Amino acid sequence: MKMAKVESAVRIALDFYDCFNQHDPERMMSLLSEDCVYEHTSPIPDGTLYLGRENLSVFWKDYFQNTQASHIEIEDIFGLGLRSVVRWKLTWIETDGKSNHLRGVSLFQVENGLIRKIYAYSKY
């Protein structure tokens, strides 16, 4: 098995978070399949399910407009083939100027070179 194929989901997850840290929803969308599924961490306890690239595009544009200085630090990542797991720490600035953070895990599934599913879970 070629290493590029073995590492494909890890590489695309890294690319996705790089786009996130640059606050670039258009590039993020270019990594997603048209019929992608994203399960967001909030509201607790079950989060929100977003279906399709178009719905996710609206979500991420709104997110970056309303969340200041958000940044994801990858604390651990592993995967094999079409699946990867990322342990992350999200930091951002609240409207009152205070820094905040959240830790979590995202599960990625890739199909045909694009992200098909992301399930995100966090510690609240």
Protein backbone atom coordinates (compact mmCIF):
# COMPACT_ATOMS: atom_id res chain seq x y z
CA MET A 1 0.00 0.00 0.00
CA LYS A 2 1.36 3.44 -0.91
CA MET A 3 1.99 5.88 1.97
CA ALA A 4 0.00 8.64 0.24
CA LYS A 5 -3.09 6.42 0.35
CA VAL A 6 -2.46 5.35 3.94
CA GLU A 7 -2.11 8.96 5.08
CA SER A 8 -4.86 10.53 2.95
CA ALA A 9 -7.36 11.24 5.76
CA VAL A 10 -4.63 12.61 8.03
CA ARG A 11 -3.36 14.93 5.32
CA ILE A 12 -6.79 16.28 4.44
CA ALA A 13 -7.66 16.83 8.14
CA LEU A 14 -4.43 18.83 8.52
CA ASP A 15 -5.35 20.86 5.43
CA PHE A 16 -8.85 21.47 6.80
CA TYR A 17 -7.53 22.86 10.09
CA ASP A 18 -4.94 24.95 8.28
CA CYS A 19 -7.80 26.58 6.33
CA PHE A 20 -9.72 27.01 9.60
CA ASN A 21 -6.78 28.80 11.22
CA GLN A 22 -6.56 31.12 8.23
CA HIS A 23 -10.33 31.79 8.55
CA ASP A 24 -10.79 30.73 4.93
CA PRO A 25 -14.20 29.04 4.54
CA GLU A 26 -13.90 28.89 0.74
CA ARG A 27 -10.77 26.74 0.97
CA MET A 28 -12.41 24.67 3.70
CA MET A 29 -15.34 24.00 1.36
CA SER A 30 -13.00 22.91 -1.43
CA LEU A 31 -11.96 20.00 0.81
CA LEU A 32 -15.54 18.78 1.38
CA SER A 33 -17.71 16.54 -0.77
CA GLU A 34 -20.93 18.08 -2.07
CA ASP A 35 -22.99 15.80 0.21
CA CYS A 36 -20.75 16.05 3.28
CA VAL A 37 -22.02 15.59 6.83
CA TYR A 38 -20.75 17.68 9.75
CA GLU A 39 -21.82 17.20 13.34
CA HIS A 40 -20.91 20.33 15.30
CA THR A 41 -20.24 20.30 19.05
CA SER A 42 -22.95 22.76 20.06
CA PRO A 43 -25.50 23.18 21.38
CA ILE A 44 -24.90 20.68 24.13
CA PRO A 45 -25.62 17.84 24.61
CA ASP A 46 -26.10 16.61 21.02
CA GLY A 47 -24.74 19.34 18.76
CA THR A 48 -26.05 20.34 15.35
CA LEU A 49 -26.00 18.24 12.20
CA TYR A 50 -25.17 20.10 8.96
CA LEU A 51 -25.82 18.34 5.66
CA GLY A 52 -24.17 19.41 2.44
CA ARG A 53 -21.39 21.76 1.45
CA GLU A 54 -23.76 24.67 0.87
CA ASN A 55 -25.15 24.56 4.45
CA LEU A 56 -21.64 24.24 5.85
CA SER A 57 -20.45 27.21 3.83
CA VAL A 58 -23.12 29.40 5.45
CA PHE A 59 -22.27 28.01 8.91
CA TRP A 60 -18.50 28.64 8.62
CA LYS A 61 -18.90 32.13 7.13
CA ASP A 62 -21.19 33.08 10.03
CA TYR A 63 -18.83 31.46 12.52
CA PHE A 64 -15.80 33.46 11.36
CA GLN A 65 -17.80 36.70 11.28
CA ASN A 66 -19.00 36.17 14.86
CA THR A 67 -15.97 34.55 16.52
CA GLN A 68 -12.82 36.58 17.04
CA ALA A 69 -9.32 35.17 16.83
CA SER A 70 -10.40 31.53 16.71
CA HIS A 71 -7.54 29.06 16.34
CA ILE A 72 -7.29 25.28 16.49
CA GLU A 73 -4.16 23.66 17.83
CA ILE A 74 -3.84 20.00 16.89
CA GLU A 75 -2.75 18.15 20.00
CA ASP A 76 -2.74 14.68 18.44
CA ILE A 77 -3.67 13.13 15.12
CA PHE A 78 -3.69 9.62 13.79
CA GLY A 79 -5.40 7.67 11.07
CA LEU A 80 -5.21 5.01 8.47
CA GLY A 81 -6.47 5.23 4.94
CA LEU A 82 -9.81 6.98 4.72
CA ARG A 83 -10.31 7.72 8.42
CA SER A 84 -8.53 9.94 10.93
CA VAL A 85 -8.96 11.14 14.50
CA VAL A 86 -7.84 14.59 15.62
CA ARG A 87 -7.57 15.73 19.24
CA TRP A 88 -7.66 19.53 19.28
CA LYS A 89 -7.78 22.66 21.41
CA LEU A 90 -9.88 25.56 20.12
CA THR A 91 -9.11 29.05 21.45
CA TRP A 92 -11.01 32.28 20.77
CA ILE A 93 -11.67 35.76 22.16
CA GLU A 94 -15.05 36.42 23.80
CA THR A 95 -16.98 39.62 23.08
CA ASP A 96 -15.82 40.97 26.47
CA GLY A 97 -12.19 40.51 25.37
CA LYS A 98 -11.48 37.45 27.51
CA SER A 99 -9.72 34.45 26.01
CA ASN A 100 -11.52 31.12 26.12
CA HIS A 101 -10.80 27.58 24.99
CA LEU A 102 -12.40 24.20 24.42
CA ARG A 103 -10.84 20.76 23.93
CA GLY A 104 -12.29 18.07 21.71
CA VAL A 105 -11.92 15.29 19.18
CA SER A 106 -13.03 15.11 15.55
CA LEU A 107 -13.50 11.98 13.49
CA PHE A 108 -12.90 12.38 9.75
CA GLN A 109 -13.97 10.11 6.90
CA VAL A 110 -12.66 10.75 3.38
CA GLU A 111 -14.09 9.52 0.06
CA ASN A 112 -12.68 10.22 -3.39
CA GLY A 113 -10.11 12.64 -1.99
CA LEU A 114 -12.68 14.82 -0.18
CA ILE A 115 -14.00 14.94 3.37
CA ARG A 116 -17.32 13.11 3.47
CA LYS A 117 -17.99 13.18 7.24
CA ILE A 118 -16.73 15.07 10.29
CA TYR A 119 -18.09 14.24 13.72
CA ALA A 120 -16.86 16.65 16.41
CA TYR A 121 -17.09 16.02 20.15
CA SER A 122 -15.91 18.31 22.94
CA LYS A 123 -15.44 18.71 26.67
CA TYR A 124 -17.83 21.35 27.96
